Amino acid sequence: MVTADGRRRKGSFFIEVDRANQYGAKIETKLPQYVAYYQHDRLAQPDRAFPRVVFLAPSEQRAGYLNRLVQGRPEVRQLFSVGLLEDPIATLLRSY
């Protein structure tokens, strides 16, 4: 990514392409798994940047559902981003 002042930034992401076929416990188990990985990584390598987890949804309705799941975990909300599958670049750029 190139910032407004011309500097380059690089980022790391886990990208979850959501197909809107998982609800309830199945999709909700992914969040704690990423959180556990993040917490383990912080202990092992506290100075390393952890990748953002980006969920790309097929519709606004599904993105809203995923956003509600993410907002329900305020202690690690900054790990997750949600956007639309039709515009993944915009979602990645907002994730910085």
C-alpha atoms as a PDB file:
ATOM      1  CA  MET A   1       0.000   0.000   0.000  1.00  0.00           C
ATOM      2  CA  VAL A   2       1.157   3.540  -0.693  1.00  0.00           C
ATOM      3  CA  THR A   3       0.054   6.134   1.859  1.00  0.00           C
ATOM      4  CA  ALA A   4      -1.126   9.655   1.001  1.00  0.00           C
ATOM      5  CA  ASP A   5       2.376  11.025   1.630  1.00  0.00           C
ATOM      6  CA  GLY A   6       3.942   8.490  -0.765  1.00  0.00           C
ATOM      7  CA  ARG A   7       5.335   6.068   1.824  1.00  0.00           C
ATOM      8  CA  ARG A   8       4.909   2.370   1.269  1.00  0.00           C
ATOM      9  CA  ARG A   9       3.421   0.104   3.933  1.00  0.00           C
ATOM     10  CA  LYS A  10       3.131  -3.598   3.915  1.00  0.00           C
ATOM     11  CA  GLY A  11       0.672  -5.702   5.783  1.00  0.00           C
ATOM     12  CA  SER A  12      -0.097  -9.311   6.477  1.00  0.00           C
ATOM     13  CA  PHE A  13      -3.578 -10.764   6.403  1.00  0.00           C
ATOM     14  CA  PHE A  14      -5.499 -13.933   6.949  1.00  0.00           C
ATOM     15  CA  ILE A  15      -8.302 -13.774   4.405  1.00  0.00           C
ATOM     16  CA  GLU A  16     -11.524 -15.682   5.018  1.00  0.00           C
ATOM     17  CA  VAL A  17     -13.764 -15.791   1.968  1.00  0.00           C
ATOM     18  CA  ASP A  18     -17.201 -16.243   3.451  1.00  0.00           C
ATOM     19  CA  ARG A  19     -19.781 -17.966   1.298  1.00  0.00           C
ATOM     20  CA  ALA A  20     -22.678 -17.392   3.728  1.00  0.00           C
ATOM     21  CA  ASN A  21     -23.185 -21.100   4.301  1.00  0.00           C
ATOM     22  CA  GLN A  22     -22.129 -21.262   7.953  1.00  0.00           C
ATOM     23  CA  TYR A  23     -24.091 -19.822  10.837  1.00  0.00           C
ATOM     24  CA  GLY A  24     -24.161 -20.317  14.554  1.00  0.00           C
ATOM     25  CA  ALA A  25     -21.481 -22.356  16.249  1.00  0.00           C
ATOM     26  CA  LYS A  26     -19.547 -23.231  13.075  1.00  0.00           C
ATOM     27  CA  ILE A  27     -18.641 -19.680  12.085  1.00  0.00           C
ATOM     28  CA  GLU A  28     -18.448 -18.467  15.683  1.00  0.00           C
ATOM     29  CA  THR A  29     -15.712 -21.013  16.474  1.00  0.00           C
ATOM     30  CA  LYS A  30     -13.388 -19.370  13.972  1.00  0.00           C
ATOM     31  CA  LEU A  31     -13.107 -16.171  16.008  1.00  0.00           C
ATOM     32  CA  PRO A  32     -11.856 -17.850  19.211  1.00  0.00           C
ATOM     33  CA  GLN A  33      -9.416 -19.919  17.156  1.00  0.00           C
ATOM     34  CA  TYR A  34      -7.867 -16.780  15.688  1.00  0.00           C
ATOM     35  CA  VAL A  35      -7.834 -15.158  19.136  1.00  0.00           C
ATOM     36  CA  ALA A  36      -6.036 -18.171  20.636  1.00  0.00           C
ATOM     37  CA  TYR A  37      -3.482 -18.070  17.814  1.00  0.00           C
ATOM     38  CA  TYR A  38      -2.979 -14.336  18.388  1.00  0.00           C
ATOM     39  CA  GLN A  39      -2.484 -14.797  22.131  1.00  0.00           C
ATOM     40  CA  HIS A  40      -0.015 -17.636  21.593  1.00  0.00           C
ATOM     41  CA  ASP A  41       1.868 -15.562  19.020  1.00  0.00           C
ATOM     42  CA  ARG A  42       2.075 -12.574  21.405  1.00  0.00           C
ATOM     43  CA  LEU A  43       3.765 -14.783  24.023  1.00  0.00           C
ATOM     44  CA  ALA A  44       6.168 -16.382  21.545  1.00  0.00           C
ATOM     45  CA  GLN A  45       7.018 -13.259  19.526  1.00  0.00           C
ATOM     46  CA  PRO A  46       5.811 -10.111  21.292  1.00  0.00           C
ATOM     47  CA  ASP A  47       7.531  -7.708  18.863  1.00  0.00           C
ATOM     48  CA  ARG A  48       6.173  -9.260  15.673  1.00  0.00           C
ATOM     49  CA  ALA A  49       3.127  -7.759  13.986  1.00  0.00           C
ATOM     50  CA  PHE A  50       0.219 -10.185  13.873  1.00  0.00           C
ATOM     51  CA  PRO A  51      -1.752 -10.423  10.619  1.00  0.00           C
ATOM     52  CA  ARG A  52      -5.238  -8.925  10.454  1.00  0.00           C
ATOM     53  CA  VAL A  53      -8.077 -11.382   9.926  1.00  0.00           C
ATOM     54  CA  VAL A  54     -10.209 -10.160   7.034  1.00  0.00           C
ATOM     55  CA  PHE A  55     -13.626 -11.679   6.387  1.00  0.00           C
ATOM     56  CA  LEU A  56     -14.936 -11.029   2.869  1.00  0.00           C
ATOM     57  CA  ALA A  57     -18.697 -11.507   2.664  1.00  0.00           C
ATOM     58  CA  PRO A  58     -20.926 -11.929  -0.411  1.00  0.00           C
ATOM     59  CA  SER A  59     -23.584  -9.425   0.742  1.00  0.00           C
ATOM     60  CA  GLU A  60     -24.194  -6.467   3.050  1.00  0.00           C
ATOM     61  CA  GLN A  61     -26.493  -8.635   5.161  1.00  0.00           C
ATOM     62  CA  ARG A  62     -23.808 -11.263   5.684  1.00  0.00           C
ATOM     63  CA  ALA A  63     -21.161  -8.596   6.360  1.00  0.00           C
ATOM     64  CA  GLY A  64     -23.478  -7.187   9.050  1.00  0.00           C
ATOM     65  CA  TYR A  65     -23.790 -10.612  10.651  1.00  0.00           C
ATOM     66  CA  LEU A  66     -20.005 -11.056  10.677  1.00  0.00           C
ATOM     67  CA  ASN A  67     -19.514  -7.526  12.038  1.00  0.00           C
ATOM     68  CA  ARG A  68     -21.855  -8.304  14.938  1.00  0.00           C
ATOM     69  CA  LEU A  69     -19.776 -11.397  15.752  1.00  0.00           C
ATOM     70  CA  VAL A  70     -16.556  -9.367  15.680  1.00  0.00           C
ATOM     71  CA  GLN A  71     -18.008  -6.517  17.751  1.00  0.00           C
ATOM     72  CA  GLY A  72     -18.990  -9.070  20.383  1.00  0.00           C
ATOM     73  CA  ARG A  73     -15.303  -9.627  21.148  1.00  0.00           C
ATOM     74  CA  PRO A  74     -14.154  -6.138  22.242  1.00  0.00           C
ATOM     75  CA  GLU A  75     -10.858  -7.379  23.696  1.00  0.00           C
ATOM     76  CA  VAL A  76      -9.579  -8.329  20.241  1.00  0.00           C
ATOM     77  CA  ARG A  77     -11.831  -6.347  17.913  1.00  0.00           C
ATOM     78  CA  GLN A  78      -8.758  -4.760  16.322  1.00  0.00           C
ATOM     79  CA  LEU A  79      -7.704  -8.159  14.917  1.00  0.00           C
ATOM     80  CA  PHE A  80     -10.672  -8.427  12.581  1.00  0.00           C
ATOM     81  CA  SER A  81     -12.030  -6.594   9.549  1.00  0.00           C
ATOM     82  CA  VAL A  82     -15.145  -7.338   7.551  1.00  0.00           C
ATOM     83  CA  GLY A  83     -15.874  -6.247   4.013  1.00  0.00           C
ATOM     84  CA  LEU A  84     -17.527  -7.272   0.789  1.00  0.00           C
ATOM     85  CA  LEU A  85     -16.152  -9.903  -1.531  1.00  0.00           C
ATOM     86  CA  GLU A  86     -16.893  -7.620  -4.481  1.00  0.00           C
ATOM     87  CA  ASP A  87     -14.363  -5.041  -3.224  1.00  0.00           C
ATOM     88  CA  PRO A  88     -11.547  -6.812  -1.372  1.00  0.00           C
ATOM     89  CA  ILE A  89      -8.935  -4.108  -2.011  1.00  0.00           C
ATOM     90  CA  ALA A  90     -10.995  -1.455  -0.228  1.00  0.00           C
ATOM     91  CA  THR A  91     -11.410  -3.782   2.744  1.00  0.00           C
ATOM     92  CA  LEU A  92      -7.687  -4.504   2.899  1.00  0.00           C
ATOM     93  CA  LEU A  93      -6.837  -0.802   2.703  1.00  0.00           C
ATOM     94  CA  ARG A  94      -9.279  -0.021   5.543  1.00  0.00           C
ATOM     95  CA  SER A  95      -7.668  -2.768   7.623  1.00  0.00           C
ATOM     96  CA  TYR A  96      -4.482  -0.772   8.224  1.00  0.00           C
END
